[in-house]
Amino acid sequence: QVQLVESGGGLVQAGSSLRLSCAASGLTFGSYGMGWFRQAPGKEREFVACISGRGGTTVYADSVKGRFTISRDNAKNTVYLQMNSLKPEDTAVYYCAARRPGYSTSSKEYDYWGQGTQVTVSS
């Protein structure tokens, strides 16, 4: 059974940093592309970042480029999202997701999802 468990969310002030983690189990982690998505209240889920199975390729949404960094440790079956210079508009529930083969910016192309972790950025 595949499980993705996010952690690291919280309430922070604008300009702060957070690092989200997503621990995966029940899958051959290095074979899966991983993505981070977020959903704010009343809005659709949107792409944040994704990374290829070996970590050699990353893609970011324009809204987070230069502020967020996605990375993975295949030995630990974990993907990370380092979020710097946080803004109030980054407030959302953040989800990690897994798919194979490859990676994608479309939420529809992911096979497995975590339960999400709340990130709230105050101004």
Protein backbone atom coordinates (compact mmCIF):
# COMPACT_ATOMS: atom_id res chain seq x y z
CA GLN A 1 0.00 0.00 0.00
CA VAL A 2 1.42 3.32 -1.08
CA GLN A 3 1.55 6.06 1.53
CA LEU A 4 2.74 9.64 1.24
CA VAL A 5 2.94 11.58 4.48
CA GLU A 6 3.66 15.30 4.48
CA SER A 7 5.03 17.23 7.43
CA GLY A 8 6.63 20.55 8.25
CA GLY A 9 3.75 22.94 7.74
CA GLY A 10 2.87 25.67 10.19
CA LEU A 11 2.11 29.30 10.85
CA VAL A 12 4.89 31.73 9.99
CA GLN A 13 5.34 35.42 9.26
CA ALA A 14 5.92 36.81 5.81
CA GLY A 15 9.57 36.57 4.83
CA SER A 16 10.14 33.41 6.85
CA SER A 17 11.14 29.97 5.66
CA LEU A 18 9.71 26.49 6.03
CA ARG A 19 10.80 23.10 4.83
CA LEU A 20 8.14 20.56 3.96
CA SER A 21 8.90 16.86 3.87
CA CYS A 22 7.01 14.02 2.23
CA ALA A 23 7.90 10.51 3.33
CA ALA A 24 6.92 7.75 0.90
CA SER A 25 6.39 4.07 1.52
CA GLY A 26 5.05 1.12 -0.43
CA LEU A 27 6.61 2.12 -3.74
CA THR A 28 9.95 2.01 -5.52
CA PHE A 29 10.61 5.62 -4.71
CA GLY A 30 13.39 6.31 -7.18
CA SER A 31 11.13 5.20 -10.04
CA TYR A 32 8.59 7.91 -9.32
CA GLY A 33 8.51 11.53 -10.24
CA MET A 34 7.34 13.62 -7.31
CA GLY A 35 5.35 16.80 -7.26
CA TRP A 36 4.22 19.41 -4.80
CA PHE A 37 0.84 21.06 -5.26
CA ARG A 38 -1.12 23.47 -3.12
CA GLN A 39 -4.73 24.46 -2.64
CA ALA A 40 -5.92 27.65 -1.03
CA PRO A 41 -9.49 28.05 0.27
CA GLY A 42 -11.92 28.56 -2.58
CA LYS A 43 -9.28 27.93 -5.22
CA GLU A 44 -8.32 25.00 -7.39
CA ARG A 45 -5.30 22.88 -6.62
CA GLU A 46 -2.25 24.33 -8.35
CA PHE A 47 1.16 23.08 -9.32
CA VAL A 48 4.12 24.22 -7.24
CA ALA A 49 7.14 22.10 -8.21
CA CYS A 50 8.12 18.66 -9.42
CA ILE A 51 11.26 16.57 -9.64
CA SER A 52 12.31 13.57 -11.69
CA GLY A 53 12.98 10.17 -10.17
CA ARG A 54 16.72 10.64 -9.92
CA GLY A 55 16.44 14.30 -9.07
CA GLY A 56 18.17 15.55 -12.19
CA THR A 57 15.25 17.61 -13.44
CA THR A 58 13.12 20.09 -11.55
CA VAL A 59 10.29 22.34 -12.68
CA TYR A 60 8.74 25.23 -10.78
CA ALA A 61 5.64 27.36 -11.04
CA ASP A 62 6.49 30.94 -11.93
CA SER A 63 4.97 32.11 -8.66
CA VAL A 64 7.57 30.26 -6.59
CA LYS A 65 10.59 30.26 -8.87
CA GLY A 66 13.64 31.61 -7.05
CA ARG A 67 12.00 31.19 -3.63
CA PHE A 68 11.18 27.47 -3.39
CA THR A 69 13.48 24.50 -3.96
CA ILE A 70 12.36 20.91 -4.46
CA SER A 71 14.79 18.10 -3.69
CA ARG A 72 14.73 14.42 -2.88
CA ASP A 73 16.72 11.85 -0.96
CA ASN A 74 16.06 8.47 -2.53
CA ALA A 75 17.91 6.70 0.27
CA LYS A 76 15.33 8.09 2.69
CA ASN A 77 12.32 7.83 0.36
CA THR A 78 11.65 11.49 1.01
CA VAL A 79 11.01 14.58 -1.09
CA TYR A 80 11.42 18.08 0.29
CA LEU A 81 10.16 21.54 -0.49
CA GLN A 82 12.31 24.33 0.91
CA MET A 83 10.24 27.50 0.97
CA ASN A 84 12.00 30.82 1.50
CA SER A 85 10.75 34.41 1.47
CA LEU A 86 7.23 33.22 2.16
CA LYS A 87 4.34 35.50 1.24
CA PRO A 88 0.75 35.58 2.49
CA GLU A 89 -0.35 34.34 -0.93
CA ASP A 90 1.60 31.12 -0.30
CA THR A 91 -0.99 30.21 2.34
CA ALA A 92 -2.53 26.87 1.36
CA VAL A 93 -2.65 23.18 2.06
CA TYR A 94 0.40 21.65 0.44
CA TYR A 95 0.23 18.15 -1.03
CA CYS A 96 2.89 15.86 -2.35
CA ALA A 97 2.13 13.42 -5.13
CA ALA A 98 3.84 10.58 -6.99
CA ARG A 99 3.65 9.35 -10.56
CA ARG A 100 5.56 7.29 -13.03
CA PRO A 101 7.06 7.36 -15.43
CA GLY A 102 8.55 10.79 -15.59
CA TYR A 103 7.14 13.87 -13.92
CA SER A 104 4.38 16.34 -14.67
CA THR A 105 3.01 19.75 -13.79
CA SER A 106 -0.56 18.43 -14.07
CA SER A 107 -2.27 17.14 -10.95
CA LYS A 108 -4.36 14.83 -13.13
CA GLU A 109 -1.31 12.82 -14.06
CA TYR A 110 -0.36 11.81 -10.53
CA ASP A 111 -1.22 8.41 -9.15
CA TYR A 112 -0.76 8.85 -5.40
CA TRP A 113 -1.37 11.73 -3.03
CA GLY A 114 -0.61 12.61 0.55
CA GLN A 115 -3.12 14.04 3.00
CA GLY A 116 -1.64 17.54 2.92
CA THR A 117 -0.02 19.90 5.39
CA GLN A 118 -1.24 23.41 6.16
CA VAL A 119 1.02 26.38 5.55
CA THR A 120 -0.20 29.75 6.79
CA VAL A 121 1.79 32.91 6.19
CA SER A 122 0.76 36.01 8.12
CA SER A 123 1.49 39.52 6.91
